[in-house]
């Protein structure tokens, strides 16, 4: 999931360089959503922790 976040952030930056149009706004919004989902899942994994078998 982090790979998708980085991909959409890079896509948003490249689209922003060529002009702030619909592509840049779409890619930026997708990148924001994926970033916050990743942060929430990361915090949940820190809280729950891993148990060794």
C-alpha atoms as a PDB file:
ATOM      1  CA  UNK A   1       0.000   0.000   0.000  1.00  0.00           C
ATOM      2  CA  UNK A   2       2.900   2.342   0.672  1.00  0.00           C
ATOM      3  CA  UNK A   3       4.104   1.710  -2.883  1.00  0.00           C
ATOM      4  CA  UNK A   4       0.722   2.900  -4.246  1.00  0.00           C
ATOM      5  CA  UNK A   5       0.875   6.007  -2.070  1.00  0.00           C
ATOM      6  CA  UNK A   6       4.336   6.904  -3.320  1.00  0.00           C
ATOM      7  CA  UNK A   7       3.264   6.186  -6.912  1.00  0.00           C
ATOM      8  CA  UNK A   8       0.288   8.534  -6.724  1.00  0.00           C
ATOM      9  CA  UNK A   9       2.298  11.252  -4.950  1.00  0.00           C
ATOM     10  CA  UNK A  10       4.910  11.135  -7.727  1.00  0.00           C
ATOM     11  CA  UNK A  11       2.144  11.128 -10.350  1.00  0.00           C
ATOM     12  CA  UNK A  12       0.533  14.164  -8.698  1.00  0.00           C
ATOM     13  CA  UNK A  13       3.864  16.026  -8.660  1.00  0.00           C
ATOM     14  CA  UNK A  14       4.535  15.259 -12.330  1.00  0.00           C
ATOM     15  CA  UNK A  15       1.003  16.256 -13.314  1.00  0.00           C
ATOM     16  CA  UNK A  16       1.393  19.431 -11.256  1.00  0.00           C
ATOM     17  CA  UNK A  17       4.571  20.332 -13.118  1.00  0.00           C
ATOM     18  CA  UNK A  18       2.775  20.057 -16.471  1.00  0.00           C
ATOM     19  CA  UNK A  19      -0.271  21.968 -15.254  1.00  0.00           C
ATOM     20  CA  UNK A  20      -2.682  21.837 -12.375  1.00  0.00           C
ATOM     21  CA  UNK A  21      -5.595  20.205 -14.155  1.00  0.00           C
ATOM     22  CA  UNK A  22      -7.935  17.346 -13.500  1.00  0.00           C
ATOM     23  CA  UNK A  23      -5.141  14.768 -13.560  1.00  0.00           C
ATOM     24  CA  UNK A  24      -3.164  16.534 -10.853  1.00  0.00           C
ATOM     25  CA  UNK A  25      -6.210  16.991  -8.641  1.00  0.00           C
ATOM     26  CA  UNK A  26      -7.292  13.380  -9.086  1.00  0.00           C
ATOM     27  CA  UNK A  27      -3.854  11.944  -8.414  1.00  0.00           C
ATOM     28  CA  UNK A  28      -3.346  14.218  -5.410  1.00  0.00           C
ATOM     29  CA  UNK A  29      -6.665  13.218  -3.871  1.00  0.00           C
ATOM     30  CA  UNK A  30      -5.945   9.514  -4.378  1.00  0.00           C
ATOM     31  CA  UNK A  31      -2.475   9.978  -2.886  1.00  0.00           C
ATOM     32  CA  UNK A  32      -3.935  11.729   0.168  1.00  0.00           C
ATOM     33  CA  UNK A  33      -6.509   8.994   0.750  1.00  0.00           C
ATOM     34  CA  UNK A  34      -3.964   6.196   0.405  1.00  0.00           C
ATOM     35  CA  UNK A  35      -1.517   8.039   2.639  1.00  0.00           C
ATOM     36  CA  UNK A  36      -4.056   8.402   5.455  1.00  0.00           C
ATOM     37  CA  UNK A  37      -5.167   4.778   5.100  1.00  0.00           C
ATOM     38  CA  UNK A  38      -1.520   3.720   5.362  1.00  0.00           C
ATOM     39  CA  UNK A  39      -0.992   5.878   8.467  1.00  0.00           C
ATOM     40  CA  UNK A  40      -4.099   4.430  10.157  1.00  0.00           C
ATOM     41  CA  UNK A  41      -3.049   0.856   9.384  1.00  0.00           C
ATOM     42  CA  UNK A  42       0.474   1.584  10.608  1.00  0.00           C
ATOM     43  CA  UNK A  43      -0.795   2.970  13.922  1.00  0.00           C
ATOM     44  CA  UNK A  44      -3.126  -0.005  14.357  1.00  0.00           C
ATOM     45  CA  UNK A  45      -0.254  -2.406  13.721  1.00  0.00           C
ATOM     46  CA  UNK A  46       1.876  -0.561  16.275  1.00  0.00           C
ATOM     47  CA  UNK A  47      -0.866  -0.768  18.882  1.00  0.00           C
ATOM     48  CA  UNK A  48      -1.714  -4.425  18.356  1.00  0.00           C
ATOM     49  CA  UNK A  49       1.887  -5.535  17.927  1.00  0.00           C
ATOM     50  CA  UNK A  50       3.088  -8.911  16.826  1.00  0.00           C
ATOM     51  CA  UNK A  51       3.021 -12.031  18.874  1.00  0.00           C
ATOM     52  CA  UNK A  52       5.768 -14.558  18.271  1.00  0.00           C
ATOM     53  CA  UNK A  53       4.653 -18.118  17.734  1.00  0.00           C
END
